[in-house]
Amino acid sequence: TKVRRVPVLEDGQLVGIISQADVAATGDDDVTGDLVEIISTAS
């Protein structure tokens, strides 16, 4: 199963959901690469 969306928590409360596309749209390749690596190794 591929994770494409990640919950965003603040003080333990769900405040939103962010997608890989949202992160990629920032234009920061380092951040995008970090996220993909974290998602790929999480299981």
C-alpha atoms as a PDB file:
ATOM      1  CA  THR A   1       0.000   0.000   0.000  1.00  0.00           C
ATOM      2  CA  LYS A   2       1.345   3.402  -0.934  1.00  0.00           C
ATOM      3  CA  VAL A   3       0.865   6.297   1.439  1.00  0.00           C
ATOM      4  CA  ARG A   4      -0.056   9.413  -0.488  1.00  0.00           C
ATOM      5  CA  ARG A   5      -1.517  11.492   2.332  1.00  0.00           C
ATOM      6  CA  VAL A   6      -0.223  12.137   5.829  1.00  0.00           C
ATOM      7  CA  PRO A   7      -2.177  13.533   8.778  1.00  0.00           C
ATOM      8  CA  VAL A   8      -0.987  16.827  10.245  1.00  0.00           C
ATOM      9  CA  LEU A   9      -1.190  16.970  14.029  1.00  0.00           C
ATOM     10  CA  GLU A  10      -0.916  19.913  16.378  1.00  0.00           C
ATOM     11  CA  ASP A  11      -0.875  19.219  20.112  1.00  0.00           C
ATOM     12  CA  GLY A  12      -2.192  15.730  19.370  1.00  0.00           C
ATOM     13  CA  GLN A  13      -5.182  17.035  17.421  1.00  0.00           C
ATOM     14  CA  LEU A  14      -5.751  16.454  13.715  1.00  0.00           C
ATOM     15  CA  VAL A  15      -5.551  19.817  11.968  1.00  0.00           C
ATOM     16  CA  GLY A  16      -5.248  18.695   8.373  1.00  0.00           C
ATOM     17  CA  ILE A  17      -3.977  16.264   5.807  1.00  0.00           C
ATOM     18  CA  ILE A  18      -1.084  16.873   3.434  1.00  0.00           C
ATOM     19  CA  SER A  19      -0.289  14.945   0.284  1.00  0.00           C
ATOM     20  CA  GLN A  20       3.004  14.149  -1.410  1.00  0.00           C
ATOM     21  CA  ALA A  21       1.863  16.460  -4.211  1.00  0.00           C
ATOM     22  CA  ASP A  22       1.437  19.311  -1.696  1.00  0.00           C
ATOM     23  CA  VAL A  23       5.013  18.830  -0.509  1.00  0.00           C
ATOM     24  CA  ALA A  24       6.348  18.525  -4.060  1.00  0.00           C
ATOM     25  CA  ALA A  25       4.574  21.775  -4.978  1.00  0.00           C
ATOM     26  CA  THR A  26       6.748  23.674  -2.483  1.00  0.00           C
ATOM     27  CA  GLY A  27       9.617  23.324  -4.932  1.00  0.00           C
ATOM     28  CA  ASP A  28      11.996  22.232  -2.161  1.00  0.00           C
ATOM     29  CA  ASP A  29      13.593  19.065  -3.520  1.00  0.00           C
ATOM     30  CA  ASP A  30      15.290  18.267  -0.200  1.00  0.00           C
ATOM     31  CA  VAL A  31      11.982  18.297   1.681  1.00  0.00           C
ATOM     32  CA  THR A  32      10.279  16.233  -1.016  1.00  0.00           C
ATOM     33  CA  GLY A  33      13.119  13.712  -0.986  1.00  0.00           C
ATOM     34  CA  ASP A  34      13.039  13.472   2.801  1.00  0.00           C
ATOM     35  CA  LEU A  35       9.291  12.829   2.807  1.00  0.00           C
ATOM     36  CA  VAL A  36       9.507  10.151   0.130  1.00  0.00           C
ATOM     37  CA  GLU A  37      12.334   8.444   2.031  1.00  0.00           C
ATOM     38  CA  ILE A  38      10.400   8.489   5.315  1.00  0.00           C
ATOM     39  CA  ILE A  39       7.247   7.139   3.699  1.00  0.00           C
ATOM     40  CA  SER A  40       9.169   4.472   1.794  1.00  0.00           C
ATOM     41  CA  THR A  41      10.901   3.122   4.901  1.00  0.00           C
ATOM     42  CA  ALA A  42       7.905   3.323   7.258  1.00  0.00           C
ATOM     43  CA  SER A  43       6.196  -0.022   7.682  1.00  0.00           C
END
